[in-house]
Amino acid sequence: MSEVAVRGGMVYVWRAGHTKVWQALKAGKVPNLLVSLAIVDNLRRDTVNLSGHSTRACVMS
């Protein structure tokens, strides 16, 4: 996963190396959304530290 964004009540996920959205989910359907985003952010940081490649996670309303 290269990016996760929350926009307009939807959670969008992009796969690494792709420009099209891989998954789009209603934010209300994601259990514990804030916890899930925190986990994604921590995993993203670990991935960047291990591989040296950049990925992004962002939250937008």
PDB file of N, CA and C in Angstrom:
ATOM      1  N   MET A   1       0.847  -1.157   0.000  1.00  0.00           N
ATOM      2  CA  MET A   1       0.000   0.000   0.000  1.00  0.00           C
ATOM      3  C   MET A   1       0.896   1.224   0.000  1.00  0.00           C
ATOM      4  N   SER A   2       0.566   2.181  -0.840  1.00  0.00           N
ATOM      5  CA  SER A   2       1.392   3.384  -0.909  1.00  0.00           C
ATOM      6  C   SER A   2       0.728   4.591  -0.280  1.00  0.00           C
ATOM      7  N   GLU A   3      -0.602   4.599  -0.225  1.00  0.00           N
ATOM      8  CA  GLU A   3      -1.297   5.754   0.342  1.00  0.00           C
ATOM      9  C   GLU A   3      -2.662   5.328   0.859  1.00  0.00           C
ATOM     10  N   VAL A   4      -3.063   5.962   1.965  1.00  0.00           N
ATOM     11  CA  VAL A   4      -4.413   5.820   2.509  1.00  0.00           C
ATOM     12  C   VAL A   4      -4.906   7.226   2.795  1.00  0.00           C
ATOM     13  N   ALA A   5      -6.114   7.539   2.338  1.00  0.00           N
ATOM     14  CA  ALA A   5      -6.670   8.868   2.546  1.00  0.00           C
ATOM     15  C   ALA A   5      -8.137   8.759   2.909  1.00  0.00           C
ATOM     16  N   VAL A   6      -8.585   9.666   3.779  1.00  0.00           N
ATOM     17  CA  VAL A   6     -10.001   9.768   4.123  1.00  0.00           C
ATOM     18  C   VAL A   6     -10.485  11.096   3.575  1.00  0.00           C
ATOM     19  N   ARG A   7     -11.442  11.014   2.661  1.00  0.00           N
ATOM     20  CA  ARG A   7     -11.984  12.210   2.013  1.00  0.00           C
ATOM     21  C   ARG A   7     -13.481  12.037   1.810  1.00  0.00           C
ATOM     22  N   GLY A   8     -14.229  13.037   2.215  1.00  0.00           N
ATOM     23  CA  GLY A   8     -15.663  13.018   1.964  1.00  0.00           C
ATOM     24  C   GLY A   8     -16.374  11.785   2.485  1.00  0.00           C
ATOM     25  N   GLY A   9     -15.944  11.296   3.648  1.00  0.00           N
ATOM     26  CA  GLY A   9     -16.592  10.140   4.247  1.00  0.00           C
ATOM     27  C   GLY A   9     -16.189   8.799   3.654  1.00  0.00           C
ATOM     28  N   MET A  10     -15.177   8.800   2.804  1.00  0.00           N
ATOM     29  CA  MET A  10     -14.683   7.571   2.182  1.00  0.00           C
ATOM     30  C   MET A  10     -13.219   7.358   2.547  1.00  0.00           C
ATOM     31  N   VAL A  11     -12.826   6.093   2.639  1.00  0.00           N
ATOM     32  CA  VAL A  11     -11.429   5.728   2.856  1.00  0.00           C
ATOM     33  C   VAL A  11     -10.916   5.165   1.536  1.00  0.00           C
ATOM     34  N   TYR A  12      -9.858   5.758   1.016  1.00  0.00           N
ATOM     35  CA  TYR A  12      -9.266   5.332  -0.246  1.00  0.00           C
ATOM     36  C   TYR A  12      -7.896   4.723   0.007  1.00  0.00           C
ATOM     37  N   VAL A  13      -7.609   3.619  -0.676  1.00  0.00           N
ATOM     38  CA  VAL A  13      -6.330   2.924  -0.524  1.00  0.00           C
ATOM     39  C   VAL A  13      -5.729   2.747  -1.916  1.00  0.00           C
ATOM     40  N   TRP A  14      -4.447   3.132  -2.044  1.00  0.00           N
ATOM     41  CA  TRP A  14      -3.707   2.944  -3.277  1.00  0.00           C
ATOM     42  C   TRP A  14      -2.634   1.890  -3.069  1.00  0.00           C
ATOM     43  N   ARG A  15      -2.432   1.057  -4.060  1.00  0.00           N
ATOM     44  CA  ARG A  15      -1.362   0.053  -4.032  1.00  0.00           C
ATOM     45  C   ARG A  15      -0.075   0.694  -4.512  1.00  0.00           C
ATOM     46  N   ALA A  16       1.030   0.223  -3.987  1.00  0.00           N
ATOM     47  CA  ALA A  16       2.333   0.727  -4.403  1.00  0.00           C
ATOM     48  C   ALA A  16       2.521   0.512  -5.894  1.00  0.00           C
ATOM     49  N   GLY A  17       2.986   1.540  -6.581  1.00  0.00           N
ATOM     50  CA  GLY A  17       3.242   1.435  -8.007  1.00  0.00           C
ATOM     51  C   GLY A  17       2.035   1.639  -8.893  1.00  0.00           C
ATOM     52  N   HIS A  18       0.871   1.953  -8.307  1.00  0.00           N
ATOM     53  CA  HIS A  18      -0.350   2.155  -9.090  1.00  0.00           C
ATOM     54  C   HIS A  18      -0.896   3.553  -8.827  1.00  0.00           C
ATOM     55  N   THR A  19      -1.547   4.132  -9.820  1.00  0.00           N
ATOM     56  CA  THR A  19      -2.119   5.467  -9.670  1.00  0.00           C
ATOM     57  C   THR A  19      -3.628   5.430  -9.430  1.00  0.00           C
ATOM     58  N   LYS A  20      -4.276   4.310  -9.751  1.00  0.00           N
ATOM     59  CA  LYS A  20      -5.715   4.182  -9.534  1.00  0.00           C
ATOM     60  C   LYS A  20      -5.982   3.674  -8.125  1.00  0.00           C
ATOM     61  N   VAL A  21      -7.110   4.097  -7.570  1.00  0.00           N
ATOM     62  CA  VAL A  21      -7.521   3.639  -6.236  1.00  0.00           C
ATOM     63  C   VAL A  21      -7.720   2.130  -6.261  1.00  0.00           C
ATOM     64  N   TRP A  22      -7.144   1.440  -5.289  1.00  0.00           N
ATOM     65  CA  TRP A  22      -7.269  -0.009  -5.189  1.00  0.00           C
ATOM     66  C   TRP A  22      -8.545  -0.377  -4.442  1.00  0.00           C
ATOM     67  N   GLN A  23      -8.823   0.297  -3.329  1.00  0.00           N
ATOM     68  CA  GLN A  23     -10.026   0.058  -2.537  1.00  0.00           C
ATOM     69  C   GLN A  23     -10.640   1.388  -2.138  1.00  0.00           C
ATOM     70  N   ALA A  24     -11.956   1.454  -2.121  1.00  0.00           N
ATOM     71  CA  ALA A  24     -12.694   2.618  -1.635  1.00  0.00           C
ATOM     72  C   ALA A  24     -13.800   2.093  -0.730  1.00  0.00           C
ATOM     73  N   LEU A  25     -13.758   2.507   0.531  1.00  0.00           N
ATOM     74  CA  LEU A  25     -14.716   2.025   1.523  1.00  0.00           C
ATOM     75  C   LEU A  25     -15.384   3.198   2.214  1.00  0.00           C
ATOM     76  N   LYS A  26     -16.634   3.033   2.605  1.00  0.00           N
ATOM     77  CA  LYS A  26     -17.276   4.057   3.416  1.00  0.00           C
ATOM     78  C   LYS A  26     -16.582   4.087   4.771  1.00  0.00           C
ATOM     79  N   ALA A  27     -16.218   5.274   5.214  1.00  0.00           N
ATOM     80  CA  ALA A  27     -15.487   5.408   6.473  1.00  0.00           C
ATOM     81  C   ALA A  27     -16.261   4.784   7.636  1.00  0.00           C
ATOM     82  N   GLY A  28     -17.577   4.879   7.613  1.00  0.00           N
ATOM     83  CA  GLY A  28     -18.402   4.309   8.668  1.00  0.00           C
ATOM     84  C   GLY A  28     -18.375   2.785   8.721  1.00  0.00           C
ATOM     85  N   LYS A  29     -17.938   2.159   7.654  1.00  0.00           N
ATOM     86  CA  LYS A  29     -17.866   0.693   7.603  1.00  0.00           C
ATOM     87  C   LYS A  29     -16.528   0.148   8.108  1.00  0.00           C
ATOM     88  N   VAL A  30     -15.553   1.040   8.322  1.00  0.00           N
ATOM     89  CA  VAL A  30     -14.237   0.611   8.801  1.00  0.00           C
ATOM     90  C   VAL A  30     -14.270   0.595  10.325  1.00  0.00           C
ATOM     91  N   PRO A  31     -14.145  -0.592  10.935  1.00  0.00           N
ATOM     92  CA  PRO A  31     -14.174  -0.668  12.398  1.00  0.00           C
ATOM     93  C   PRO A  31     -13.015   0.125  12.992  1.00  0.00           C
ATOM     94  N   ASN A  32     -13.308   0.918  14.014  1.00  0.00           N
ATOM     95  CA  ASN A  32     -12.270   1.685  14.710  1.00  0.00           C
ATOM     96  C   ASN A  32     -11.380   2.438  13.722  1.00  0.00           C
ATOM     97  N   LEU A  33     -11.991   3.306  12.938  1.00  0.00           N
ATOM     98  CA  LEU A  33     -11.282   3.991  11.859  1.00  0.00           C
ATOM     99  C   LEU A  33     -10.006   4.678  12.335  1.00  0.00           C
ATOM    100  N   LEU A  34     -10.072   5.416  13.429  1.00  0.00           N
ATOM    101  CA  LEU A  34      -8.885   6.127  13.895  1.00  0.00           C
ATOM    102  C   LEU A  34      -7.775   5.168  14.311  1.00  0.00           C
ATOM    103  N   VAL A  35      -8.148   4.059  14.942  1.00  0.00           N
ATOM    104  CA  VAL A  35      -7.150   3.048  15.315  1.00  0.00           C
ATOM    105  C   VAL A  35      -6.560   2.426  14.050  1.00  0.00           C
ATOM    106  N   SER A  36      -7.411   2.121  13.077  1.00  0.00           N
ATOM    107  CA  SER A  36      -6.946   1.536  11.822  1.00  0.00           C
ATOM    108  C   SER A  36      -5.961   2.465  11.113  1.00  0.00           C
ATOM    109  N   LEU A  37      -6.267   3.758  11.075  1.00  0.00           N
ATOM    110  CA  LEU A  37      -5.371   4.712  10.426  1.00  0.00           C
ATOM    111  C   LEU A  37      -4.045   4.836  11.176  1.00  0.00           C
ATOM    112  N   ALA A  38      -4.105   4.774  12.504  1.00  0.00           N
ATOM    113  CA  ALA A  38      -2.874   4.825  13.299  1.00  0.00           C
ATOM    114  C   ALA A  38      -2.005   3.599  13.015  1.00  0.00           C
ATOM    115  N   ILE A  39      -2.620   2.438  12.902  1.00  0.00           N
ATOM    116  CA  ILE A  39      -1.869   1.212  12.587  1.00  0.00           C
ATOM    117  C   ILE A  39      -1.241   1.320  11.205  1.00  0.00           C
ATOM    118  N   VAL A  40      -2.017   1.796  10.231  1.00  0.00           N
ATOM    119  CA  VAL A  40      -1.488   1.966   8.873  1.00  0.00           C
ATOM    120  C   VAL A  40      -0.299   2.924   8.890  1.00  0.00           C
ATOM    121  N   ASP A  41      -0.419   4.019   9.623  1.00  0.00           N
ATOM    122  CA  ASP A  41       0.663   4.993   9.685  1.00  0.00           C
ATOM    123  C   ASP A  41       1.915   4.379  10.304  1.00  0.00           C
ATOM    124  N   ASN A  42       1.752   3.615  11.387  1.00  0.00           N
ATOM    125  CA  ASN A  42       2.902   2.965  12.013  1.00  0.00           C
ATOM    126  C   ASN A  42       3.533   1.932  11.085  1.00  0.00           C
ATOM    127  N   LEU A  43       2.724   1.149  10.401  1.00  0.00           N
ATOM    128  CA  LEU A  43       3.258   0.172   9.453  1.00  0.00           C
ATOM    129  C   LEU A  43       3.984   0.869   8.307  1.00  0.00           C
ATOM    130  N   ARG A  44       3.413   1.982   7.854  1.00  0.00           N
ATOM    131  CA  ARG A  44       4.034   2.751   6.774  1.00  0.00           C
ATOM    132  C   ARG A  44       5.401   3.255   7.210  1.00  0.00           C
ATOM    133  N   ARG A  45       5.493   3.782   8.411  1.00  0.00           N
ATOM    134  CA  ARG A  45       6.780   4.277   8.924  1.00  0.00           C
ATOM    135  C   ARG A  45       7.795   3.144   9.018  1.00  0.00           C
ATOM    136  N   ASP A  46       7.359   1.986   9.513  1.00  0.00           N
ATOM    137  CA  ASP A  46       8.260   0.835   9.606  1.00  0.00           C
ATOM    138  C   ASP A  46       8.739   0.416   8.227  1.00  0.00           C
ATOM    139  N   THR A  47       7.841   0.437   7.236  1.00  0.00           N
ATOM    140  CA  THR A  47       8.194   0.058   5.877  1.00  0.00           C
ATOM    141  C   THR A  47       9.213   1.035   5.300  1.00  0.00           C
ATOM    142  N   VAL A  48       9.003   2.326   5.538  1.00  0.00           N
ATOM    143  CA  VAL A  48       9.938   3.331   5.046  1.00  0.00           C
ATOM    144  C   VAL A  48      11.299   3.118   5.698  1.00  0.00           C
ATOM    145  N   ASN A  49      11.318   2.851   7.006  1.00  0.00           N
ATOM    146  CA  ASN A  49      12.579   2.660   7.709  1.00  0.00           C
ATOM    147  C   ASN A  49      13.319   1.431   7.206  1.00  0.00           C
ATOM    148  N   LEU A  50      12.583   0.367   6.896  1.00  0.00           N
ATOM    149  CA  LEU A  50      13.228  -0.868   6.465  1.00  0.00           C
ATOM    150  C   LEU A  50      13.657  -0.839   5.001  1.00  0.00           C
ATOM    151  N   SER A  51      12.847  -0.234   4.144  1.00  0.00           N
ATOM    152  CA  SER A  51      13.119  -0.308   2.713  1.00  0.00           C
ATOM    153  C   SER A  51      13.761   0.942   2.142  1.00  0.00           C
ATOM    154  N   GLY A  52      13.607   2.064   2.853  1.00  0.00           N
ATOM    155  CA  GLY A  52      14.119   3.323   2.328  1.00  0.00           C
ATOM    156  C   GLY A  52      13.211   3.953   1.292  1.00  0.00           C
ATOM    157  N   HIS A  53      12.100   3.300   0.949  1.00  0.00           N
ATOM    158  CA  HIS A  53      11.152   3.838  -0.022  1.00  0.00           C
ATOM    159  C   HIS A  53      10.097   4.664   0.686  1.00  0.00           C
ATOM    160  N   SER A  54       9.595   5.657   0.004  1.00  0.00           N
ATOM    161  CA  SER A  54       8.604   6.552   0.576  1.00  0.00           C
ATOM    162  C   SER A  54       7.191   6.061   0.292  1.00  0.00           C
ATOM    163  N   THR A  55       6.338   6.098   1.312  1.00  0.00           N
ATOM    164  CA  THR A  55       4.906   5.849   1.153  1.00  0.00           C
ATOM    165  C   THR A  55       4.191   6.943   1.915  1.00  0.00           C
ATOM    166  N   ARG A  56       2.874   7.084   1.698  1.00  0.00           N
ATOM    167  CA  ARG A  56       2.133   8.154   2.348  1.00  0.00           C
ATOM    168  C   ARG A  56       0.844   7.630   2.952  1.00  0.00           C
ATOM    169  N   ALA A  57       0.468   8.224   4.079  1.00  0.00           N
ATOM    170  CA  ALA A  57      -0.848   8.019   4.659  1.00  0.00           C
ATOM    171  C   ALA A  57      -1.347   9.389   5.080  1.00  0.00           C
ATOM    172  N   CYS A  58      -2.554   9.738   4.711  1.00  0.00           N
ATOM    173  CA  CYS A  58      -3.060  11.040   5.100  1.00  0.00           C
ATOM    174  C   CYS A  58      -4.540  10.939   5.423  1.00  0.00           C
ATOM    175  N   VAL A  59      -4.981  11.880   6.247  1.00  0.00           N
ATOM    176  CA  VAL A  59      -6.386  11.959   6.624  1.00  0.00           C
ATOM    177  C   VAL A  59      -6.879  13.335   6.226  1.00  0.00           C
ATOM    178  N   MET A  60      -7.931  13.371   5.421  1.00  0.00           N
ATOM    179  CA  MET A  60      -8.502  14.637   4.993  1.00  0.00           C
ATOM    180  C   MET A  60     -10.014  14.548   5.113  1.00  0.00           C
ATOM    181  N   SER A  61     -10.644  15.632   5.465  1.00  0.00           N
ATOM    182  CA  SER A  61     -12.113  15.652   5.553  1.00  0.00           C
ATOM    183  C   SER A  61     -12.710  16.134   4.268  1.00  0.00           C
TER     184      SER A  61
END
